[in-house]
Amino acid sequence: MNKCTPKYRRLLLISFALCAILVQGCATTGSRPTSPLTNDYLSKTPQTKQPIFLTLRNAYKAQDIFVDSIKKDFGEPVGYKVGLTNKRAQRYFGVKEPVRGVLLDWMLMESGATLPYRFGARPRAEGDLLVRVADSGINNATTPMQALRHIDAVIPFMELPDLVYANEIKLTAPLIVAANVGARYGVTGPIIRVSPTKRWLRRFRNIEVELFDEEGRLLSKGRSSSLMGNPMRVVLWIKDSLKAEGKELKKGDLISLGSITSLVPIRDGMQTISARYTGLEPMKPNSTIEITIRFAN
């Protein structure tokens, strides 16, 4: 029989306590704590329990437990996602800064992948961008240009998040954080190399994203300037957010920068959603890149 060390007992107690804070109850599967939220997420069922009050600080601890409980189904962490990157969303949720979640390996798929309509409890689509960290020097960056020097690629990314909670549950920033900022799936496009130039810094601010359905109808559109004015400011924010918890970005980390378009509900009968990006190609500023997700019953 394995010995249960004092440290392990403390971790279990903390895990159970945080699960109780989040969803008023917790169980275990083997050595892995699970909760009604985890079970509903994995079964694609909207969470209907009205959670009790949760602070942002406790929400991030609950997120750690939640992410650990879904790794078996979604793989190991490959980076982070950022939400609430514009002031209007922050005011609505009563916060003064964005929130972050964790991206897991099997959440990311190539353009053209197929998912069921109900790939989540409350599935959505949005235009987004991924950037890739070149080296750990990014943790010392203090300006957008300094951050850009430590980013080596940008990748078109249509995120396919999950609102997780039932419609009658009033969403708050802590609830969003506890459910890993709705991370579920996303499709990626080509890897585009980035140069640390003023031209690239301007380009990051002026990328246009449009979402279309299978009949070419425009569903939503936006510009990358909605990401804190410039996506590199999002990179600086997540660097500082992690540093406050004694964590750091590392080479190869992917960062989902946030919603460029509004969230689009996935409705029954949809065949595809395509995201069209304008302004990403370095040598062809007016050319477009398109990525697609397909839906099936």
C-alpha atoms as a PDB file:
ATOM      1  CA  MET A   1       0.000   0.000   0.000  1.00  0.00           C
ATOM      2  CA  ASN A   2       1.291   3.488  -0.877  1.00  0.00           C
ATOM      3  CA  LYS A   3       1.993   5.716   2.077  1.00  0.00           C
ATOM      4  CA  CYS A   4      -0.114   8.849   2.297  1.00  0.00           C
ATOM      5  CA  THR A   5       2.387  11.547   3.200  1.00  0.00           C
ATOM      6  CA  PRO A   6       1.396  14.702   5.103  1.00  0.00           C
ATOM      7  CA  LYS A   7       2.067  16.747   1.952  1.00  0.00           C
ATOM      8  CA  TYR A   8      -0.218  14.496  -0.110  1.00  0.00           C
ATOM      9  CA  ARG A   9      -2.939  14.683   2.547  1.00  0.00           C
ATOM     10  CA  ARG A  10      -2.732  18.482   2.522  1.00  0.00           C
ATOM     11  CA  LEU A  11      -3.068  18.546  -1.267  1.00  0.00           C
ATOM     12  CA  LEU A  12      -6.121  16.301  -1.125  1.00  0.00           C
ATOM     13  CA  LEU A  13      -7.714  18.458   1.553  1.00  0.00           C
ATOM     14  CA  ILE A  14      -7.097  21.586  -0.505  1.00  0.00           C
ATOM     15  CA  SER A  15      -8.518  19.855  -3.587  1.00  0.00           C
ATOM     16  CA  PHE A  16     -11.681  18.815  -1.791  1.00  0.00           C
ATOM     17  CA  ALA A  17     -12.091  22.245  -0.226  1.00  0.00           C
ATOM     18  CA  LEU A  18     -11.799  24.029  -3.543  1.00  0.00           C
ATOM     19  CA  CYS A  19     -14.213  21.620  -5.200  1.00  0.00           C
ATOM     20  CA  ALA A  20     -16.674  22.347  -2.416  1.00  0.00           C
ATOM     21  CA  ILE A  21     -16.238  26.077  -2.942  1.00  0.00           C
ATOM     22  CA  LEU A  22     -16.796  25.688  -6.663  1.00  0.00           C
ATOM     23  CA  VAL A  23     -19.589  23.172  -6.976  1.00  0.00           C
ATOM     24  CA  GLN A  24     -20.720  22.240  -3.473  1.00  0.00           C
ATOM     25  CA  GLY A  25     -19.380  18.705  -3.641  1.00  0.00           C
ATOM     26  CA  CYS A  26     -16.488  16.614  -4.893  1.00  0.00           C
ATOM     27  CA  ALA A  27     -15.657  12.985  -5.631  1.00  0.00           C
ATOM     28  CA  THR A  28     -12.583  11.089  -6.718  1.00  0.00           C
ATOM     29  CA  THR A  29     -11.729   8.888  -9.659  1.00  0.00           C
ATOM     30  CA  GLY A  30      -8.663   6.928  -8.593  1.00  0.00           C
ATOM     31  CA  SER A  31      -6.275   9.554  -7.271  1.00  0.00           C
ATOM     32  CA  ARG A  32      -7.834  12.313  -9.373  1.00  0.00           C
ATOM     33  CA  PRO A  33     -10.383  14.681  -7.741  1.00  0.00           C
ATOM     34  CA  THR A  34     -13.505  15.199  -9.856  1.00  0.00           C
ATOM     35  CA  SER A  35     -16.535  17.399  -9.420  1.00  0.00           C
ATOM     36  CA  PRO A  36     -20.011  17.888 -10.871  1.00  0.00           C
ATOM     37  CA  LEU A  37     -18.503  20.636 -13.049  1.00  0.00           C
ATOM     38  CA  THR A  38     -15.885  18.229 -14.440  1.00  0.00           C
ATOM     39  CA  ASN A  39     -18.485  15.517 -14.987  1.00  0.00           C
ATOM     40  CA  ASP A  40     -20.851  17.924 -16.755  1.00  0.00           C
ATOM     41  CA  TYR A  41     -18.008  19.291 -18.886  1.00  0.00           C
ATOM     42  CA  LEU A  42     -16.926  15.820 -19.990  1.00  0.00           C
ATOM     43  CA  SER A  43     -20.520  14.737 -20.677  1.00  0.00           C
ATOM     44  CA  LYS A  44     -21.280  18.041 -22.487  1.00  0.00           C
ATOM     45  CA  THR A  45     -24.087  18.840 -20.055  1.00  0.00           C
ATOM     46  CA  PRO A  46     -24.749  22.467 -19.008  1.00  0.00           C
ATOM     47  CA  GLN A  47     -23.866  23.017 -15.346  1.00  0.00           C
ATOM     48  CA  THR A  48     -27.171  23.883 -13.620  1.00  0.00           C
ATOM     49  CA  LYS A  49     -26.160  24.252  -9.971  1.00  0.00           C
ATOM     50  CA  GLN A  50     -25.970  27.834  -8.821  1.00  0.00           C
ATOM     51  CA  PRO A  51     -22.416  27.998  -7.429  1.00  0.00           C
ATOM     52  CA  ILE A  52     -21.793  29.750  -4.149  1.00  0.00           C
ATOM     53  CA  PHE A  53     -19.661  32.898  -3.982  1.00  0.00           C
ATOM     54  CA  LEU A  54     -16.184  32.400  -5.397  1.00  0.00           C
ATOM     55  CA  THR A  55     -13.294  34.867  -5.413  1.00  0.00           C
ATOM     56  CA  LEU A  56     -10.968  35.177  -8.386  1.00  0.00           C
ATOM     57  CA  ARG A  57      -8.071  33.925  -6.290  1.00  0.00           C
ATOM     58  CA  ASN A  58      -9.947  30.762  -5.346  1.00  0.00           C
ATOM     59  CA  ALA A  59     -11.248  30.441  -8.906  1.00  0.00           C
ATOM     60  CA  TYR A  60      -7.702  30.062 -10.257  1.00  0.00           C
ATOM     61  CA  LYS A  61      -7.011  27.363  -7.669  1.00  0.00           C
ATOM     62  CA  ALA A  62     -10.240  25.629  -8.677  1.00  0.00           C
ATOM     63  CA  GLN A  63      -9.139  25.942 -12.304  1.00  0.00           C
ATOM     64  CA  ASP A  64      -5.934  24.059 -11.512  1.00  0.00           C
ATOM     65  CA  ILE A  65      -8.007  21.173 -10.137  1.00  0.00           C
ATOM     66  CA  PHE A  66     -10.429  21.293 -13.076  1.00  0.00           C
ATOM     67  CA  VAL A  67      -7.624  21.248 -15.681  1.00  0.00           C
ATOM     68  CA  ASP A  68      -5.910  18.363 -13.907  1.00  0.00           C
ATOM     69  CA  SER A  69      -9.175  16.416 -13.946  1.00  0.00           C
ATOM     70  CA  ILE A  70      -9.616  16.696 -17.743  1.00  0.00           C
ATOM     71  CA  LYS A  71      -6.007  15.996 -18.842  1.00  0.00           C
ATOM     72  CA  LYS A  72      -6.799  12.328 -19.410  1.00  0.00           C
ATOM     73  CA  ASP A  73      -9.304  13.394 -22.078  1.00  0.00           C
ATOM     74  CA  PHE A  74      -7.589  16.477 -23.514  1.00  0.00           C
ATOM     75  CA  GLY A  75      -3.843  15.955 -23.058  1.00  0.00           C
ATOM     76  CA  GLU A  76      -1.081  17.947 -21.409  1.00  0.00           C
ATOM     77  CA  PRO A  77      -0.821  21.769 -21.295  1.00  0.00           C
ATOM     78  CA  VAL A  78       0.650  23.430 -24.393  1.00  0.00           C
ATOM     79  CA  GLY A  79      -0.029  27.050 -23.483  1.00  0.00           C
ATOM     80  CA  TYR A  80      -2.648  29.503 -22.284  1.00  0.00           C
ATOM     81  CA  LYS A  81      -5.762  31.327 -23.397  1.00  0.00           C
ATOM     82  CA  VAL A  82      -6.814  34.836 -22.437  1.00  0.00           C
ATOM     83  CA  GLY A  83     -10.369  36.088 -22.071  1.00  0.00           C
ATOM     84  CA  LEU A  84     -12.100  39.406 -21.376  1.00  0.00           C
ATOM     85  CA  THR A  85      -9.482  41.336 -23.332  1.00  0.00           C
ATOM     86  CA  ASN A  86     -11.613  44.404 -24.003  1.00  0.00           C
ATOM     87  CA  LYS A  87     -12.834  47.023 -21.553  1.00  0.00           C
ATOM     88  CA  ARG A  88     -16.518  46.517 -22.313  1.00  0.00           C
ATOM     89  CA  ALA A  89     -16.369  42.828 -21.360  1.00  0.00           C
ATOM     90  CA  GLN A  90     -14.362  43.657 -18.242  1.00  0.00           C
ATOM     91  CA  ARG A  91     -16.919  46.248 -17.126  1.00  0.00           C
ATOM     92  CA  TYR A  92     -19.754  43.768 -17.700  1.00  0.00           C
ATOM     93  CA  PHE A  93     -18.089  41.144 -15.515  1.00  0.00           C
ATOM     94  CA  GLY A  94     -16.843  43.636 -12.919  1.00  0.00           C
ATOM     95  CA  VAL A  95     -13.106  43.123 -13.405  1.00  0.00           C
ATOM     96  CA  LYS A  96     -10.268  45.478 -14.322  1.00  0.00           C
ATOM     97  CA  GLU A  97      -8.115  43.038 -16.282  1.00  0.00           C
ATOM     98  CA  PRO A  98      -8.430  39.917 -18.470  1.00  0.00           C
ATOM     99  CA  VAL A  99      -8.643  36.346 -17.208  1.00  0.00           C
ATOM    100  CA  ARG A 100      -6.618  33.319 -18.284  1.00  0.00           C
ATOM    101  CA  GLY A 101      -7.059  29.602 -18.848  1.00  0.00           C
ATOM    102  CA  VAL A 102      -4.922  26.667 -19.961  1.00  0.00           C
ATOM    103  CA  LEU A 103      -4.746  25.171 -23.460  1.00  0.00           C
ATOM    104  CA  LEU A 104      -4.377  21.396 -23.610  1.00  0.00           C
ATOM    105  CA  ASP A 105      -2.793  19.500 -26.491  1.00  0.00           C
ATOM    106  CA  TRP A 106      -5.806  17.636 -27.869  1.00  0.00           C
ATOM    107  CA  MET A 107      -7.984  20.739 -27.865  1.00  0.00           C
ATOM    108  CA  LEU A 108      -6.129  21.969 -30.962  1.00  0.00           C
ATOM    109  CA  MET A 109      -7.009  20.601 -34.407  1.00  0.00           C
ATOM    110  CA  GLU A 110      -6.009  21.431 -37.965  1.00  0.00           C
ATOM    111  CA  SER A 111      -8.305  23.368 -40.293  1.00  0.00           C
ATOM    112  CA  GLY A 112     -10.863  21.090 -41.942  1.00  0.00           C
ATOM    113  CA  ALA A 113     -11.427  18.961 -38.837  1.00  0.00           C
ATOM    114  CA  THR A 114     -14.941  17.696 -38.072  1.00  0.00           C
ATOM    115  CA  LEU A 115     -16.820  17.924 -34.779  1.00  0.00           C
ATOM    116  CA  PRO A 116     -20.402  17.117 -33.760  1.00  0.00           C
ATOM    117  CA  TYR A 117     -22.767  20.080 -33.483  1.00  0.00           C
ATOM    118  CA  ARG A 118     -22.893  19.491 -29.751  1.00  0.00           C
ATOM    119  CA  PHE A 119     -19.166  19.403 -29.139  1.00  0.00           C
ATOM    120  CA  GLY A 120     -19.775  21.096 -25.801  1.00  0.00           C
ATOM    121  CA  ALA A 121     -22.463  21.914 -23.287  1.00  0.00           C
ATOM    122  CA  ARG A 122     -23.043  25.317 -24.921  1.00  0.00           C
ATOM    123  CA  PRO A 123     -20.770  25.368 -27.986  1.00  0.00           C
ATOM    124  CA  ARG A 124     -19.622  28.569 -29.658  1.00  0.00           C
ATOM    125  CA  ALA A 125     -17.118  29.789 -32.286  1.00  0.00           C
ATOM    126  CA  GLU A 126     -14.990  32.926 -32.359  1.00  0.00           C
ATOM    127  CA  GLY A 127     -12.156  34.436 -34.355  1.00  0.00           C
ATOM    128  CA  ASP A 128      -8.883  34.385 -32.412  1.00  0.00           C
ATOM    129  CA  LEU A 129      -5.115  34.277 -32.898  1.00  0.00           C
ATOM    130  CA  LEU A 130      -2.353  32.118 -31.468  1.00  0.00           C
ATOM    131  CA  VAL A 131       1.195  33.342 -30.961  1.00  0.00           C
ATOM    132  CA  ARG A 132       4.160  31.112 -30.096  1.00  0.00           C
ATOM    133  CA  VAL A 133       6.809  31.983 -27.527  1.00  0.00           C
ATOM    134  CA  ALA A 134      10.349  31.914 -28.962  1.00  0.00           C
ATOM    135  CA  ASP A 135      12.298  31.854 -25.692  1.00  0.00           C
ATOM    136  CA  SER A 136      12.120  32.542 -21.971  1.00  0.00           C
ATOM    137  CA  GLY A 137      13.410  36.085 -22.459  1.00  0.00           C
ATOM    138  CA  ILE A 138       9.784  37.078 -22.920  1.00  0.00           C
ATOM    139  CA  ASN A 139       9.418  37.021 -19.139  1.00  0.00           C
ATOM    140  CA  ASN A 140      11.584  40.155 -18.932  1.00  0.00           C
ATOM    141  CA  ALA A 141       9.673  42.123 -21.599  1.00  0.00           C
ATOM    142  CA  THR A 142       8.008  45.360 -20.516  1.00  0.00           C
ATOM    143  CA  THR A 143       6.885  46.898 -23.842  1.00  0.00           C
ATOM    144  CA  PRO A 144       4.985  45.522 -26.851  1.00  0.00           C
ATOM    145  CA  MET A 145       8.119  45.680 -29.010  1.00  0.00           C
ATOM    146  CA  GLN A 146      10.140  43.811 -26.398  1.00  0.00           C
ATOM    147  CA  ALA A 147       7.426  41.161 -26.250  1.00  0.00           C
ATOM    148  CA  LEU A 148       7.447  40.858 -30.048  1.00  0.00           C
ATOM    149  CA  ARG A 149      11.183  40.108 -29.981  1.00  0.00           C
ATOM    150  CA  HIS A 150      10.367  36.893 -28.120  1.00  0.00           C
ATOM    151  CA  ILE A 151       7.465  35.753 -30.328  1.00  0.00           C
ATOM    152  CA  ASP A 152       8.494  33.688 -33.346  1.00  0.00           C
ATOM    153  CA  ALA A 153       5.142  32.842 -34.975  1.00  0.00           C
ATOM    154  CA  VAL A 154       1.491  33.784 -35.281  1.00  0.00           C
ATOM    155  CA  ILE A 155      -1.170  31.223 -36.211  1.00  0.00           C
ATOM    156  CA  PRO A 156      -4.758  31.836 -37.374  1.00  0.00           C
ATOM    157  CA  PHE A 157      -6.981  30.248 -34.749  1.00  0.00           C
ATOM    158  CA  MET A 158     -10.749  29.827 -34.671  1.00  0.00           C
ATOM    159  CA  GLU A 159     -11.512  28.964 -31.093  1.00  0.00           C
ATOM    160  CA  LEU A 160     -14.458  26.694 -30.361  1.00  0.00           C
ATOM    161  CA  PRO A 161     -15.178  27.456 -26.705  1.00  0.00           C
ATOM    162  CA  ASP A 162     -17.849  26.097 -24.401  1.00  0.00           C
ATOM    163  CA  LEU A 163     -19.869  28.397 -22.145  1.00  0.00           C
ATOM    164  CA  VAL A 164     -20.211  25.356 -19.818  1.00  0.00           C
ATOM    165  CA  TYR A 165     -22.907  26.789 -17.522  1.00  0.00           C
ATOM    166  CA  ALA A 166     -26.640  26.619 -18.182  1.00  0.00           C
ATOM    167  CA  ASN A 167     -28.306  29.721 -19.546  1.00  0.00           C
ATOM    168  CA  GLU A 168     -30.031  30.462 -16.242  1.00  0.00           C
ATOM    169  CA  ILE A 169     -26.711  30.695 -14.368  1.00  0.00           C
ATOM    170  CA  LYS A 170     -25.461  34.270 -14.237  1.00  0.00           C
ATOM    171  CA  LEU A 171     -21.873  34.180 -15.422  1.00  0.00           C
ATOM    172  CA  THR A 172     -19.242  35.967 -13.357  1.00  0.00           C
ATOM    173  CA  ALA A 173     -15.502  36.324 -13.902  1.00  0.00           C
ATOM    174  CA  PRO A 174     -14.698  33.762 -11.154  1.00  0.00           C
ATOM    175  CA  LEU A 175     -17.062  31.205 -12.718  1.00  0.00           C
ATOM    176  CA  ILE A 176     -15.430  31.746 -16.113  1.00  0.00           C
ATOM    177  CA  VAL A 177     -11.974  31.275 -14.584  1.00  0.00           C
ATOM    178  CA  ALA A 178     -12.974  28.160 -12.632  1.00  0.00           C
ATOM    179  CA  ALA A 179     -14.209  26.511 -15.861  1.00  0.00           C
ATOM    180  CA  ASN A 180     -10.869  27.235 -17.578  1.00  0.00           C
ATOM    181  CA  VAL A 181     -12.256  30.251 -19.468  1.00  0.00           C
ATOM    182  CA  GLY A 182     -14.385  27.916 -21.567  1.00  0.00           C
ATOM    183  CA  ALA A 183     -11.499  26.203 -23.374  1.00  0.00           C
ATOM    184  CA  ARG A 184     -12.770  23.213 -25.362  1.00  0.00           C
ATOM    185  CA  TYR A 185     -11.485  23.051 -28.977  1.00  0.00           C
ATOM    186  CA  GLY A 186     -10.064  25.176 -31.782  1.00  0.00           C
ATOM    187  CA  VAL A 187      -8.803  24.848 -35.349  1.00  0.00           C
ATOM    188  CA  THR A 188      -5.471  26.233 -36.522  1.00  0.00           C
ATOM    189  CA  GLY A 189      -4.107  27.523 -39.802  1.00  0.00           C
ATOM    190  CA  PRO A 190      -0.581  27.857 -41.191  1.00  0.00           C
ATOM    191  CA  ILE A 191       2.328  28.902 -38.983  1.00  0.00           C
ATOM    192  CA  ILE A 192       3.451  32.387 -40.026  1.00  0.00           C
ATOM    193  CA  ARG A 193       6.906  33.533 -39.006  1.00  0.00           C
ATOM    194  CA  VAL A 194       7.120  36.842 -37.158  1.00  0.00           C
ATOM    195  CA  SER A 195       9.900  39.454 -37.256  1.00  0.00           C
ATOM    196  CA  PRO A 196      10.571  41.956 -34.429  1.00  0.00           C
ATOM    197  CA  THR A 197       9.890  45.043 -36.561  1.00  0.00           C
ATOM    198  CA  LYS A 198       7.685  48.110 -36.254  1.00  0.00           C
ATOM    199  CA  ARG A 199       5.851  46.935 -39.366  1.00  0.00           C
ATOM    200  CA  TRP A 200       4.899  43.675 -37.659  1.00  0.00           C
ATOM    201  CA  LEU A 201       3.856  45.521 -34.519  1.00  0.00           C
ATOM    202  CA  ARG A 202       1.484  47.648 -36.645  1.00  0.00           C
ATOM    203  CA  ARG A 203       0.280  44.564 -38.520  1.00  0.00           C
ATOM    204  CA  PHE A 204      -0.668  42.826 -35.283  1.00  0.00           C
ATOM    205  CA  ARG A 205      -2.970  45.758 -34.529  1.00  0.00           C
ATOM    206  CA  ASN A 206      -4.776  45.669 -37.884  1.00  0.00           C
ATOM    207  CA  ILE A 207      -5.636  42.042 -38.626  1.00  0.00           C
ATOM    208  CA  GLU A 208      -9.247  41.617 -39.740  1.00  0.00           C
ATOM    209  CA  VAL A 209     -11.184  38.433 -38.994  1.00  0.00           C
ATOM    210  CA  GLU A 210     -14.546  37.458 -40.496  1.00  0.00           C
ATOM    211  CA  LEU A 211     -16.640  34.376 -39.719  1.00  0.00           C
ATOM    212  CA  PHE A 212     -18.872  32.849 -42.424  1.00  0.00           C
ATOM    213  CA  ASP A 213     -21.258  29.922 -42.555  1.00  0.00           C
ATOM    214  CA  GLU A 214     -21.392  27.316 -45.341  1.00  0.00           C
ATOM    215  CA  GLU A 215     -23.514  29.618 -47.520  1.00  0.00           C
ATOM    216  CA  GLY A 216     -21.101  32.509 -47.230  1.00  0.00           C
ATOM    217  CA  ARG A 217     -23.252  34.515 -44.816  1.00  0.00           C
ATOM    218  CA  LEU A 218     -21.260  36.802 -42.550  1.00  0.00           C
ATOM    219  CA  LEU A 219     -21.728  35.746 -38.928  1.00  0.00           C
ATOM    220  CA  SER A 220     -19.343  38.135 -37.168  1.00  0.00           C
ATOM    221  CA  LYS A 221     -16.241  40.224 -37.792  1.00  0.00           C
ATOM    222  CA  GLY A 222     -13.665  42.213 -35.865  1.00  0.00           C
ATOM    223  CA  ARG A 223     -10.134  43.612 -35.746  1.00  0.00           C
ATOM    224  CA  SER A 224      -7.184  42.575 -33.649  1.00  0.00           C
ATOM    225  CA  SER A 225      -7.000  46.068 -32.141  1.00  0.00           C
ATOM    226  CA  SER A 226      -9.840  44.855 -29.881  1.00  0.00           C
ATOM    227  CA  LEU A 227      -7.196  42.808 -28.029  1.00  0.00           C
ATOM    228  CA  MET A 228      -6.125  45.446 -25.487  1.00  0.00           C
ATOM    229  CA  GLY A 229      -5.274  47.803 -28.358  1.00  0.00           C
ATOM    230  CA  ASN A 230      -2.493  45.512 -29.596  1.00  0.00           C
ATOM    231  CA  PRO A 231      -2.112  41.728 -29.170  1.00  0.00           C
ATOM    232  CA  MET A 232       1.375  42.204 -27.726  1.00  0.00           C
ATOM    233  CA  ARG A 233      -0.229  43.901 -24.729  1.00  0.00           C
ATOM    234  CA  VAL A 234      -2.134  40.654 -24.133  1.00  0.00           C
ATOM    235  CA  VAL A 235       1.199  38.805 -24.158  1.00  0.00           C
ATOM    236  CA  LEU A 236       2.587  41.241 -21.583  1.00  0.00           C
ATOM    237  CA  TRP A 237      -0.505  40.836 -19.420  1.00  0.00           C
ATOM    238  CA  ILE A 238      -0.361  37.041 -19.300  1.00  0.00           C
ATOM    239  CA  LYS A 239       3.366  37.180 -18.592  1.00  0.00           C
ATOM    240  CA  ASP A 240       2.683  39.418 -15.589  1.00  0.00           C
ATOM    241  CA  SER A 241      -0.316  37.339 -14.486  1.00  0.00           C
ATOM    242  CA  LEU A 242       1.767  34.170 -14.433  1.00  0.00           C
ATOM    243  CA  LYS A 243       4.711  35.887 -12.756  1.00  0.00           C
ATOM    244  CA  ALA A 244       2.425  36.971  -9.904  1.00  0.00           C
ATOM    245  CA  GLU A 245       1.931  33.254  -9.155  1.00  0.00           C
ATOM    246  CA  GLY A 246       5.591  32.334  -9.530  1.00  0.00           C
ATOM    247  CA  LYS A 247       5.110  30.917 -13.027  1.00  0.00           C
ATOM    248  CA  GLU A 248       6.760  31.781 -16.351  1.00  0.00           C
ATOM    249  CA  LEU A 249       6.198  31.470 -20.065  1.00  0.00           C
ATOM    250  CA  LYS A 250       8.593  29.074 -21.795  1.00  0.00           C
ATOM    251  CA  LYS A 251       9.802  28.344 -25.300  1.00  0.00           C
ATOM    252  CA  GLY A 252       7.072  26.797 -27.439  1.00  0.00           C
ATOM    253  CA  ASP A 253       4.142  27.963 -25.304  1.00  0.00           C
ATOM    254  CA  LEU A 254       1.088  28.902 -27.359  1.00  0.00           C
ATOM    255  CA  ILE A 255      -1.030  31.876 -26.304  1.00  0.00           C
ATOM    256  CA  SER A 256      -4.625  32.260 -27.471  1.00  0.00           C
ATOM    257  CA  LEU A 257      -5.008  36.033 -27.467  1.00  0.00           C
ATOM    258  CA  GLY A 258      -8.761  36.382 -27.035  1.00  0.00           C
ATOM    259  CA  SER A 259     -11.968  37.129 -28.945  1.00  0.00           C
ATOM    260  CA  ILE A 260     -11.524  39.253 -32.058  1.00  0.00           C
ATOM    261  CA  THR A 261     -15.075  38.556 -33.211  1.00  0.00           C
ATOM    262  CA  SER A 262     -18.166  38.086 -31.101  1.00  0.00           C
ATOM    263  CA  LEU A 263     -19.160  34.578 -30.000  1.00  0.00           C
ATOM    264  CA  VAL A 264     -21.251  32.695 -32.564  1.00  0.00           C
ATOM    265  CA  PRO A 265     -23.647  29.986 -31.269  1.00  0.00           C
ATOM    266  CA  ILE A 266     -23.386  26.620 -33.035  1.00  0.00           C
ATOM    267  CA  ARG A 267     -26.857  25.724 -34.245  1.00  0.00           C
ATOM    268  CA  ASP A 268     -28.228  22.391 -35.465  1.00  0.00           C
ATOM    269  CA  GLY A 269     -27.909  22.034 -39.208  1.00  0.00           C
ATOM    270  CA  MET A 270     -24.751  24.095 -39.535  1.00  0.00           C
ATOM    271  CA  GLN A 271     -22.327  22.449 -41.936  1.00  0.00           C
ATOM    272  CA  THR A 272     -19.243  24.630 -41.599  1.00  0.00           C
ATOM    273  CA  ILE A 273     -17.900  27.839 -40.121  1.00  0.00           C
ATOM    274  CA  SER A 274     -14.926  29.484 -41.802  1.00  0.00           C
ATOM    275  CA  ALA A 275     -12.702  32.202 -40.394  1.00  0.00           C
ATOM    276  CA  ARG A 276     -11.104  34.524 -42.945  1.00  0.00           C
ATOM    277  CA  TYR A 277      -8.012  36.486 -41.910  1.00  0.00           C
ATOM    278  CA  THR A 278      -6.831  39.578 -43.783  1.00  0.00           C
ATOM    279  CA  GLY A 279      -3.490  41.257 -43.074  1.00  0.00           C
ATOM    280  CA  LEU A 280      -1.455  38.302 -41.798  1.00  0.00           C
ATOM    281  CA  GLU A 281       0.754  37.589 -44.824  1.00  0.00           C
ATOM    282  CA  PRO A 282       3.987  39.637 -44.526  1.00  0.00           C
ATOM    283  CA  MET A 283       4.581  39.979 -48.283  1.00  0.00           C
ATOM    284  CA  LYS A 284       0.891  40.180 -49.252  1.00  0.00           C
ATOM    285  CA  PRO A 285      -0.854  42.472 -46.744  1.00  0.00           C
ATOM    286  CA  ASN A 286      -4.220  42.342 -48.560  1.00  0.00           C
ATOM    287  CA  SER A 287      -4.290  38.583 -49.093  1.00  0.00           C
ATOM    288  CA  THR A 288      -6.502  36.322 -46.999  1.00  0.00           C
ATOM    289  CA  ILE A 289      -6.055  33.067 -45.099  1.00  0.00           C
ATOM    290  CA  GLU A 290      -9.086  30.899 -44.401  1.00  0.00           C
ATOM    291  CA  ILE A 291      -9.567  28.104 -41.864  1.00  0.00           C
ATOM    292  CA  THR A 292     -12.650  25.911 -41.461  1.00  0.00           C
ATOM    293  CA  ILE A 293     -14.391  23.670 -38.979  1.00  0.00           C
ATOM    294  CA  ARG A 294     -16.962  21.119 -40.234  1.00  0.00           C
ATOM    295  CA  PHE A 295     -19.934  19.852 -38.271  1.00  0.00           C
ATOM    296  CA  ALA A 296     -21.680  16.487 -38.315  1.00  0.00           C
ATOM    297  CA  ASN A 297     -24.507  14.810 -36.405  1.00  0.00           C
END
